[in-house]
Every structure is written in C-alpha cells, then in structure tokens.
C-alpha cells in the first residue's frame, strides 16, 4: 500500500497513578527501544517525523501510535504489533505497564482524498486537542489556537509525508485563512513537561467554520482528518498536539 496512514491503539494497565499525557515524552523512549537502531538513528536526524504518538487519559488508558508513510508503518507499527511486545517499563519512573489489547486502523491517502472530495461535507469542523498543543513563531511559543498556524502545520506535515504531493502552498493557505474562522471554543491553558522544562500550550475543543467554496471547505476537512494521524503543532512525536475531528452536525449546518 502506497501512502498509507496507520493508527495503533494499545490499551494499557498499570498500578501507577502518575501515568498520563505528561509521560508521553518517556513513551517516545519506549518506542525507540522497539525499533531497529539504524532506523531509530535516522528518525533522530529527521525534521518533521513520519509518526506521532500520545497518551489517552480516561477510564481506560491508551497509548496511540500513528504513522504517516509506508516505511514508518513497517519500521514502527509492525514491531509494536509483535506478539512478544506485551509489556514495558518506564525505568526513570519505576513504572511497569502491561498492554492489554491492540487495535489497528489503516487508510490509504488515496482513500482519504476520495472520502473528502466525493462525500457530502460540513462547513463546521469540530476539533478536539487531546494533549497540549502549541506552535512556535519568531522564537516564541504561540499558546492560543490560530487558524494560520493550524492549517500551516497540517499542510507542512502532509507534504513531508508525501513524496508525490506538496500540500503547502502560500496562496492556498491564505485562502484557507481568509475563508475560515473560529466560531466556538472551550479551551484551557496547560503545560507539557519535557526534561525539566514546562512547555505552555492549550487543550480542549474548538469549531472552525469554513465559509469559502465547497472545494476549500472540503480541503480544510481533509487537512483536519489527516491531523488525526499527524497531530498538529510542535513536538507531536513526543505526545503534544494530538488531534481528533468530531463527527457531528448536519451538512452545512
């Protein structure tokens, strides 16, 4: 399969009460331990990573690992699917964690394009930021949602994951910005701990209304759907910027 996106959900069990999204950077270390060392070194040298991962909190805890390319699927997802990978330790926190279940979903990028250019669309795009999200601009953190930074991040991540398609185009980005607006939000300021530093960001829900042409509205939804795999903003490989697009509302409502 060429241009495949994959999402692996692993349900976890642990006796530790100190396990949440703030352990995501440690989970990147766990992830690297499962990979071929040559490929792991290659990932460290890569700018925009071909994967994202995060912790889901709630009544059940999950570790979600997404890949954006065929190679990343083979090098990252397949080792995690190995039947012998059933538990792991976070040594620095003295945590032992069991994997109770694994669930894999895949979709080709062609299917993703077909899905959003052929089906009915909704001009309201409801997004939930599951883990702290932030952007960087002019050397500073941007800790409020900004349509420019959201779409620019998603376009760049899509382009970096595709050999045959460059999604970033300055003119298209300006069109997206001009015909979109945030119409609802329920957000809170949160910090993401990383090696003794607390990165400021935001979590919660917001709704973007795409007011332009049908094609532009569908394109915005395509980027949001892709964001469920790539994450949005900075440091998505260590657990920030996990995104989910809510399926609700009527066409054009």
C-alpha atoms as a PDB file:
ATOM      1  CA  UNK A   1       0.000   0.000   0.000  1.00  0.00           C
ATOM      2  CA  UNK A   2       1.455   3.329  -1.055  1.00  0.00           C
ATOM      3  CA  UNK A   3       0.835   6.421   1.039  1.00  0.00           C
ATOM      4  CA  UNK A   4      -0.791   4.634   3.948  1.00  0.00           C
ATOM      5  CA  UNK A   5      -1.781   6.164   7.258  1.00  0.00           C
ATOM      6  CA  UNK A   6      -1.972   3.902  10.310  1.00  0.00           C
ATOM      7  CA  UNK A   7      -3.267   4.285  13.858  1.00  0.00           C
ATOM      8  CA  UNK A   8      -2.382   1.689  16.504  1.00  0.00           C
ATOM      9  CA  UNK A   9      -4.290   1.899  19.782  1.00  0.00           C
ATOM     10  CA  UNK A  10      -2.862  -0.041  22.716  1.00  0.00           C
ATOM     11  CA  UNK A  11      -4.965  -0.371  25.864  1.00  0.00           C
ATOM     12  CA  UNK A  12      -2.756  -0.249  28.941  1.00  0.00           C
ATOM     13  CA  UNK A  13      -2.844  -1.477  32.520  1.00  0.00           C
ATOM     14  CA  UNK A  14      -0.691  -0.008  35.275  1.00  0.00           C
ATOM     15  CA  UNK A  15      -0.851   0.314  39.039  1.00  0.00           C
ATOM     16  CA  UNK A  16       0.777   3.740  38.858  1.00  0.00           C
ATOM     17  CA  UNK A  17      -1.435   6.752  39.461  1.00  0.00           C
ATOM     18  CA  UNK A  18       1.187   9.000  37.875  1.00  0.00           C
ATOM     19  CA  UNK A  19       0.552   7.933  34.282  1.00  0.00           C
ATOM     20  CA  UNK A  20      -0.971  10.446  31.884  1.00  0.00           C
ATOM     21  CA  UNK A  21      -0.162  12.566  28.853  1.00  0.00           C
ATOM     22  CA  UNK A  22       2.790  14.017  30.778  1.00  0.00           C
ATOM     23  CA  UNK A  23       4.512  10.627  30.401  1.00  0.00           C
ATOM     24  CA  UNK A  24       4.368  10.860  26.604  1.00  0.00           C
ATOM     25  CA  UNK A  25       7.969  12.008  26.246  1.00  0.00           C
ATOM     26  CA  UNK A  26       9.044   8.904  28.186  1.00  0.00           C
ATOM     27  CA  UNK A  27       6.882   6.819  25.864  1.00  0.00           C
ATOM     28  CA  UNK A  28       8.957   8.042  22.939  1.00  0.00           C
ATOM     29  CA  UNK A  29      11.912   6.368  24.634  1.00  0.00           C
ATOM     30  CA  UNK A  30       9.907   3.156  24.947  1.00  0.00           C
ATOM     31  CA  UNK A  31       9.034   3.419  21.258  1.00  0.00           C
ATOM     32  CA  UNK A  32      12.644   3.890  20.184  1.00  0.00           C
ATOM     33  CA  UNK A  33      13.660   0.780  22.139  1.00  0.00           C
ATOM     34  CA  UNK A  34      11.383  -1.350  19.931  1.00  0.00           C
ATOM     35  CA  UNK A  35      12.850  -0.099  16.647  1.00  0.00           C
ATOM     36  CA  UNK A  36      15.813  -1.123  14.569  1.00  0.00           C
ATOM     37  CA  UNK A  37      18.705   1.009  15.819  1.00  0.00           C
ATOM     38  CA  UNK A  38      19.622   2.248  12.327  1.00  0.00           C
ATOM     39  CA  UNK A  39      16.073   3.432  11.685  1.00  0.00           C
ATOM     40  CA  UNK A  40      15.857   4.972  15.175  1.00  0.00           C
ATOM     41  CA  UNK A  41      19.027   6.963  14.452  1.00  0.00           C
ATOM     42  CA  UNK A  42      17.539   8.007  11.114  1.00  0.00           C
ATOM     43  CA  UNK A  43      14.426   9.323  12.870  1.00  0.00           C
ATOM     44  CA  UNK A  44      16.534  11.413  15.246  1.00  0.00           C
ATOM     45  CA  UNK A  45      18.045  13.168  12.212  1.00  0.00           C
ATOM     46  CA  UNK A  46      14.661  13.841  10.589  1.00  0.00           C
ATOM     47  CA  UNK A  47      12.965  17.232  10.919  1.00  0.00           C
ATOM     48  CA  UNK A  48       9.245  16.539  10.547  1.00  0.00           C
ATOM     49  CA  UNK A  49       8.754  12.998  11.841  1.00  0.00           C
ATOM     50  CA  UNK A  50       6.766  10.369   9.891  1.00  0.00           C
ATOM     51  CA  UNK A  51       4.887   9.415  13.061  1.00  0.00           C
ATOM     52  CA  UNK A  52       3.138  10.829  16.102  1.00  0.00           C
ATOM     53  CA  UNK A  53       2.241   9.292  19.445  1.00  0.00           C
ATOM     54  CA  UNK A  54       0.346  10.256  22.569  1.00  0.00           C
ATOM     55  CA  UNK A  55      -1.323   9.002  25.734  1.00  0.00           C
ATOM     56  CA  UNK A  56      -5.108   8.991  26.054  1.00  0.00           C
ATOM     57  CA  UNK A  57      -6.406   9.533  29.581  1.00  0.00           C
ATOM     58  CA  UNK A  58      -9.774   8.470  30.938  1.00  0.00           C
ATOM     59  CA  UNK A  59     -11.424   5.427  32.432  1.00  0.00           C
ATOM     60  CA  UNK A  60      -9.095   3.398  30.191  1.00  0.00           C
ATOM     61  CA  UNK A  61      -5.576   4.495  29.363  1.00  0.00           C
ATOM     62  CA  UNK A  62      -4.337   4.089  25.814  1.00  0.00           C
ATOM     63  CA  UNK A  63      -1.076   4.591  24.018  1.00  0.00           C
ATOM     64  CA  UNK A  64      -1.747   5.696  20.445  1.00  0.00           C
ATOM     65  CA  UNK A  65       0.973   5.500  17.787  1.00  0.00           C
ATOM     66  CA  UNK A  66       0.316   6.872  14.277  1.00  0.00           C
ATOM     67  CA  UNK A  67       2.451   6.529  11.163  1.00  0.00           C
ATOM     68  CA  UNK A  68       2.266   8.651   8.014  1.00  0.00           C
ATOM     69  CA  UNK A  69       4.271   6.628   5.481  1.00  0.00           C
ATOM     70  CA  UNK A  70       4.566   3.033   4.316  1.00  0.00           C
ATOM     71  CA  UNK A  71       8.144   2.838   5.606  1.00  0.00           C
ATOM     72  CA  UNK A  72       7.157   4.160   9.029  1.00  0.00           C
ATOM     73  CA  UNK A  73       4.346   1.603   9.186  1.00  0.00           C
ATOM     74  CA  UNK A  74       6.772  -1.225   8.500  1.00  0.00           C
ATOM     75  CA  UNK A  75       9.508   0.074  10.803  1.00  0.00           C
ATOM     76  CA  UNK A  76       7.341   1.322  13.696  1.00  0.00           C
ATOM     77  CA  UNK A  77       3.881  -0.239  13.722  1.00  0.00           C
ATOM     78  CA  UNK A  78       4.900  -3.801  12.833  1.00  0.00           C
ATOM     79  CA  UNK A  79       7.410  -4.124  15.718  1.00  0.00           C
ATOM     80  CA  UNK A  80       4.757  -2.826  18.139  1.00  0.00           C
ATOM     81  CA  UNK A  81       2.307  -5.423  16.800  1.00  0.00           C
ATOM     82  CA  UNK A  82       4.753  -8.230  17.582  1.00  0.00           C
ATOM     83  CA  UNK A  83       3.058 -10.786  19.831  1.00  0.00           C
ATOM     84  CA  UNK A  84       6.036 -10.687  22.219  1.00  0.00           C
ATOM     85  CA  UNK A  85       5.602  -6.965  22.884  1.00  0.00           C
ATOM     86  CA  UNK A  86       3.148  -7.284  25.761  1.00  0.00           C
ATOM     87  CA  UNK A  87       4.603  -5.018  28.448  1.00  0.00           C
ATOM     88  CA  UNK A  88       7.305  -2.441  29.095  1.00  0.00           C
ATOM     89  CA  UNK A  89       8.929  -0.350  31.807  1.00  0.00           C
ATOM     90  CA  UNK A  90       9.498   3.358  32.239  1.00  0.00           C
ATOM     91  CA  UNK A  91      12.684   2.990  34.214  1.00  0.00           C
ATOM     92  CA  UNK A  92      13.110   6.564  35.406  1.00  0.00           C
ATOM     93  CA  UNK A  93       9.586   6.493  36.880  1.00  0.00           C
ATOM     94  CA  UNK A  94       9.815   2.868  38.086  1.00  0.00           C
ATOM     95  CA  UNK A  95       6.604   2.050  36.219  1.00  0.00           C
ATOM     96  CA  UNK A  96       5.650  -1.326  34.833  1.00  0.00           C
ATOM     97  CA  UNK A  97       2.918  -1.225  32.192  1.00  0.00           C
ATOM     98  CA  UNK A  98       1.047  -4.086  30.544  1.00  0.00           C
ATOM     99  CA  UNK A  99      -0.526  -3.960  27.099  1.00  0.00           C
ATOM    100  CA  UNK A 100      -3.994  -5.480  27.385  1.00  0.00           C
ATOM    101  CA  UNK A 101      -5.129  -5.081  23.774  1.00  0.00           C
ATOM    102  CA  UNK A 102      -4.004  -3.722  20.402  1.00  0.00           C
ATOM    103  CA  UNK A 103      -6.258  -2.303  17.694  1.00  0.00           C
ATOM    104  CA  UNK A 104      -5.006  -1.208  14.279  1.00  0.00           C
ATOM    105  CA  UNK A 105      -6.728   1.064  11.746  1.00  0.00           C
ATOM    106  CA  UNK A 106      -5.274   1.952   8.354  1.00  0.00           C
ATOM    107  CA  UNK A 107      -6.359   4.114   5.433  1.00  0.00           C
ATOM    108  CA  UNK A 108      -4.549   4.977   2.221  1.00  0.00           C
ATOM    109  CA  UNK A 109      -4.037   8.608   1.328  1.00  0.00           C
ATOM    110  CA  UNK A 110      -5.956   7.919  -1.868  1.00  0.00           C
ATOM    111  CA  UNK A 111      -8.925   6.753   0.207  1.00  0.00           C
ATOM    112  CA  UNK A 112      -8.580   9.868   2.334  1.00  0.00           C
ATOM    113  CA  UNK A 113      -8.693  12.073  -0.761  1.00  0.00           C
ATOM    114  CA  UNK A 114     -11.622  10.141  -2.231  1.00  0.00           C
ATOM    115  CA  UNK A 115     -13.509  10.330   1.071  1.00  0.00           C
ATOM    116  CA  UNK A 116     -13.363  14.087   1.328  1.00  0.00           C
ATOM    117  CA  UNK A 117     -13.661  15.082  -2.312  1.00  0.00           C
ATOM    118  CA  UNK A 118     -16.625  12.857  -3.110  1.00  0.00           C
ATOM    119  CA  UNK A 119     -18.765  12.802   0.034  1.00  0.00           C
ATOM    120  CA  UNK A 120     -21.073  15.443   1.461  1.00  0.00           C
ATOM    121  CA  UNK A 121     -19.290  17.970   3.591  1.00  0.00           C
ATOM    122  CA  UNK A 122     -19.977  20.050   6.664  1.00  0.00           C
ATOM    123  CA  UNK A 123     -18.715  23.617   6.879  1.00  0.00           C
ATOM    124  CA  UNK A 124     -18.283  23.262  10.639  1.00  0.00           C
ATOM    125  CA  UNK A 125     -15.092  21.424  11.608  1.00  0.00           C
ATOM    126  CA  UNK A 126     -15.177  20.380  15.259  1.00  0.00           C
ATOM    127  CA  UNK A 127     -11.723  19.657  16.635  1.00  0.00           C
ATOM    128  CA  UNK A 128     -10.579  18.337  19.983  1.00  0.00           C
ATOM    129  CA  UNK A 129      -6.988  18.828  21.085  1.00  0.00           C
ATOM    130  CA  UNK A 130      -6.436  15.758  23.244  1.00  0.00           C
ATOM    131  CA  UNK A 131      -2.978  16.717  24.508  1.00  0.00           C
ATOM    132  CA  UNK A 132      -1.312  20.124  24.944  1.00  0.00           C
ATOM    133  CA  UNK A 133      -0.859  21.915  21.623  1.00  0.00           C
ATOM    134  CA  UNK A 134       1.467  24.818  20.864  1.00  0.00           C
ATOM    135  CA  UNK A 135       3.208  26.462  17.925  1.00  0.00           C
ATOM    136  CA  UNK A 136       6.463  28.401  17.585  1.00  0.00           C
ATOM    137  CA  UNK A 137       6.799  31.710  15.775  1.00  0.00           C
ATOM    138  CA  UNK A 138       9.705  34.163  15.868  1.00  0.00           C
ATOM    139  CA  UNK A 139      11.364  32.105  18.579  1.00  0.00           C
ATOM    140  CA  UNK A 140       8.357  32.229  20.911  1.00  0.00           C
ATOM    141  CA  UNK A 141       5.623  29.780  21.830  1.00  0.00           C
ATOM    142  CA  UNK A 142       2.151  30.527  20.490  1.00  0.00           C
ATOM    143  CA  UNK A 143      -0.222  29.091  23.092  1.00  0.00           C
ATOM    144  CA  UNK A 144      -3.567  30.143  21.628  1.00  0.00           C
ATOM    145  CA  UNK A 145      -5.253  28.443  18.644  1.00  0.00           C
ATOM    146  CA  UNK A 146      -4.577  30.317  15.425  1.00  0.00           C
ATOM    147  CA  UNK A 147      -6.078  29.278  12.084  1.00  0.00           C
ATOM    148  CA  UNK A 148      -2.907  30.182  10.187  1.00  0.00           C
ATOM    149  CA  UNK A 149      -0.683  28.052  12.399  1.00  0.00           C
ATOM    150  CA  UNK A 150      -3.158  25.135  12.487  1.00  0.00           C
ATOM    151  CA  UNK A 151      -3.520  24.853   8.703  1.00  0.00           C
ATOM    152  CA  UNK A 152       0.129  25.679   8.007  1.00  0.00           C
ATOM    153  CA  UNK A 153       1.258  22.924  10.376  1.00  0.00           C
ATOM    154  CA  UNK A 154      -1.066  20.361   8.793  1.00  0.00           C
ATOM    155  CA  UNK A 155      -0.055  21.323   5.245  1.00  0.00           C
ATOM    156  CA  UNK A 156       3.643  21.019   6.126  1.00  0.00           C
ATOM    157  CA  UNK A 157       3.183  17.651   7.818  1.00  0.00           C
ATOM    158  CA  UNK A 158       1.200  16.293   4.873  1.00  0.00           C
ATOM    159  CA  UNK A 159       3.849  17.470   2.416  1.00  0.00           C
ATOM    160  CA  UNK A 160       6.663  15.969   4.490  1.00  0.00           C
ATOM    161  CA  UNK A 161       4.907  12.595   4.493  1.00  0.00           C
ATOM    162  CA  UNK A 162       4.242  12.526   0.727  1.00  0.00           C
ATOM    163  CA  UNK A 163       6.841  12.002  -1.953  1.00  0.00           C
ATOM    164  CA  UNK A 164       4.479  12.900  -4.801  1.00  0.00           C
ATOM    165  CA  UNK A 165       2.312  15.667  -3.339  1.00  0.00           C
ATOM    166  CA  UNK A 166       3.274  19.059  -1.928  1.00  0.00           C
ATOM    167  CA  UNK A 167       0.351  20.277   0.146  1.00  0.00           C
ATOM    168  CA  UNK A 168       1.961  23.525   1.209  1.00  0.00           C
ATOM    169  CA  UNK A 169       1.096  26.460  -0.990  1.00  0.00           C
ATOM    170  CA  UNK A 170       1.206  30.030   0.324  1.00  0.00           C
ATOM    171  CA  UNK A 171      -1.730  31.183  -1.825  1.00  0.00           C
ATOM    172  CA  UNK A 172      -3.924  28.249  -0.765  1.00  0.00           C
ATOM    173  CA  UNK A 173      -3.013  28.849   2.873  1.00  0.00           C
ATOM    174  CA  UNK A 174      -4.104  32.477   2.581  1.00  0.00           C
ATOM    175  CA  UNK A 175      -7.403  31.366   1.034  1.00  0.00           C
ATOM    176  CA  UNK A 176      -7.972  28.954   3.922  1.00  0.00           C
ATOM    177  CA  UNK A 177      -7.260  31.691   6.450  1.00  0.00           C
ATOM    178  CA  UNK A 178      -9.495  34.246   4.724  1.00  0.00           C
ATOM    179  CA  UNK A 179     -12.466  31.910   4.435  1.00  0.00           C
ATOM    180  CA  UNK A 180     -12.241  30.291   7.884  1.00  0.00           C
ATOM    181  CA  UNK A 181     -12.995  31.474  11.380  1.00  0.00           C
ATOM    182  CA  UNK A 182     -13.108  30.025  14.882  1.00  0.00           C
ATOM    183  CA  UNK A 183     -16.762  30.217  15.934  1.00  0.00           C
ATOM    184  CA  UNK A 184     -16.728  28.228  19.193  1.00  0.00           C
ATOM    185  CA  UNK A 185     -14.136  27.056  21.668  1.00  0.00           C
ATOM    186  CA  UNK A 186     -13.744  25.505  25.081  1.00  0.00           C
ATOM    187  CA  UNK A 187     -10.074  25.527  25.898  1.00  0.00           C
ATOM    188  CA  UNK A 188      -7.754  25.653  28.868  1.00  0.00           C
ATOM    189  CA  UNK A 189      -4.122  26.557  29.317  1.00  0.00           C
ATOM    190  CA  UNK A 190      -1.898  23.588  30.196  1.00  0.00           C
ATOM    191  CA  UNK A 191       1.790  22.757  30.386  1.00  0.00           C
ATOM    192  CA  UNK A 192       3.611  19.850  28.768  1.00  0.00           C
ATOM    193  CA  UNK A 193       6.611  18.723  30.845  1.00  0.00           C
ATOM    194  CA  UNK A 194       9.762  17.887  28.904  1.00  0.00           C
ATOM    195  CA  UNK A 195      13.124  17.214  30.538  1.00  0.00           C
ATOM    196  CA  UNK A 196      12.651  19.689  33.344  1.00  0.00           C
ATOM    197  CA  UNK A 197      11.012  22.322  31.114  1.00  0.00           C
ATOM    198  CA  UNK A 198       7.295  23.086  31.006  1.00  0.00           C
ATOM    199  CA  UNK A 199       6.102  23.945  27.502  1.00  0.00           C
ATOM    200  CA  UNK A 200       2.964  26.129  27.572  1.00  0.00           C
ATOM    201  CA  UNK A 201       0.051  25.113  25.384  1.00  0.00           C
ATOM    202  CA  UNK A 202      -3.694  24.607  25.211  1.00  0.00           C
ATOM    203  CA  UNK A 203      -6.129  21.677  25.349  1.00  0.00           C
ATOM    204  CA  UNK A 204      -9.815  21.385  24.607  1.00  0.00           C
ATOM    205  CA  UNK A 205     -12.316  21.863  21.811  1.00  0.00           C
ATOM    206  CA  UNK A 206     -12.879  24.415  19.091  1.00  0.00           C
ATOM    207  CA  UNK A 207     -15.024  24.726  15.993  1.00  0.00           C
ATOM    208  CA  UNK A 208     -13.805  26.200  12.717  1.00  0.00           C
ATOM    209  CA  UNK A 209     -16.339  27.376  10.134  1.00  0.00           C
ATOM    210  CA  UNK A 210     -15.158  27.128   6.522  1.00  0.00           C
ATOM    211  CA  UNK A 211     -17.015  29.878   4.649  1.00  0.00           C
ATOM    212  CA  UNK A 212     -15.433  29.692   1.210  1.00  0.00           C
ATOM    213  CA  UNK A 213     -16.117  27.449  -1.763  1.00  0.00           C
ATOM    214  CA  UNK A 214     -17.157  23.818  -1.344  1.00  0.00           C
ATOM    215  CA  UNK A 215     -13.716  22.766  -2.584  1.00  0.00           C
ATOM    216  CA  UNK A 216     -11.962  24.884   0.046  1.00  0.00           C
ATOM    217  CA  UNK A 217     -14.247  23.594   2.802  1.00  0.00           C
ATOM    218  CA  UNK A 218     -13.509  20.009   1.793  1.00  0.00           C
ATOM    219  CA  UNK A 219      -9.793  20.758   1.692  1.00  0.00           C
ATOM    220  CA  UNK A 220      -9.929  22.125   5.229  1.00  0.00           C
ATOM    221  CA  UNK A 221     -11.680  18.940   6.373  1.00  0.00           C
ATOM    222  CA  UNK A 222      -9.115  16.807   4.562  1.00  0.00           C
ATOM    223  CA  UNK A 223      -6.316  18.515   6.492  1.00  0.00           C
ATOM    224  CA  UNK A 224      -8.173  18.073   9.784  1.00  0.00           C
ATOM    225  CA  UNK A 225      -8.736  14.379   9.048  1.00  0.00           C
ATOM    226  CA  UNK A 226      -5.044  13.953   8.253  1.00  0.00           C
ATOM    227  CA  UNK A 227      -4.300  15.710  11.545  1.00  0.00           C
ATOM    228  CA  UNK A 228      -5.839  12.777  13.408  1.00  0.00           C
ATOM    229  CA  UNK A 229      -2.725  10.872  12.359  1.00  0.00           C
ATOM    230  CA  UNK A 230      -0.069  13.580  12.195  1.00  0.00           C
ATOM    231  CA  UNK A 231      -1.037  15.708  15.162  1.00  0.00           C
ATOM    232  CA  UNK A 232      -0.730  19.468  14.876  1.00  0.00           C
ATOM    233  CA  UNK A 233       1.854  21.962  16.082  1.00  0.00           C
ATOM    234  CA  UNK A 234       5.213  21.235  17.688  1.00  0.00           C
ATOM    235  CA  UNK A 235       6.602  18.038  19.247  1.00  0.00           C
ATOM    236  CA  UNK A 236       3.869  15.666  18.063  1.00  0.00           C
ATOM    237  CA  UNK A 237       6.404  12.811  18.156  1.00  0.00           C
ATOM    238  CA  UNK A 238       6.678  13.136  21.926  1.00  0.00           C
ATOM    239  CA  UNK A 239       2.984  13.487  22.695  1.00  0.00           C
ATOM    240  CA  UNK A 240       1.897  17.057  22.021  1.00  0.00           C
ATOM    241  CA  UNK A 241      -0.800  18.231  19.617  1.00  0.00           C
ATOM    242  CA  UNK A 242      -2.889  15.041  19.401  1.00  0.00           C
ATOM    243  CA  UNK A 243      -5.997  15.905  17.386  1.00  0.00           C
ATOM    244  CA  UNK A 244      -9.425  14.371  16.853  1.00  0.00           C
ATOM    245  CA  UNK A 245     -12.086  15.595  14.438  1.00  0.00           C
ATOM    246  CA  UNK A 246     -15.576  15.143  15.854  1.00  0.00           C
ATOM    247  CA  UNK A 247     -18.181  13.645  13.538  1.00  0.00           C
ATOM    248  CA  UNK A 248     -21.347  15.529  14.327  1.00  0.00           C
ATOM    249  CA  UNK A 249     -23.718  18.110  12.866  1.00  0.00           C
ATOM    250  CA  UNK A 250     -25.631  18.186   9.605  1.00  0.00           C
ATOM    251  CA  UNK A 251     -24.376  19.095   6.158  1.00  0.00           C
ATOM    252  CA  UNK A 252     -23.734  22.846   6.006  1.00  0.00           C
ATOM    253  CA  UNK A 253     -25.449  23.362   9.379  1.00  0.00           C
END
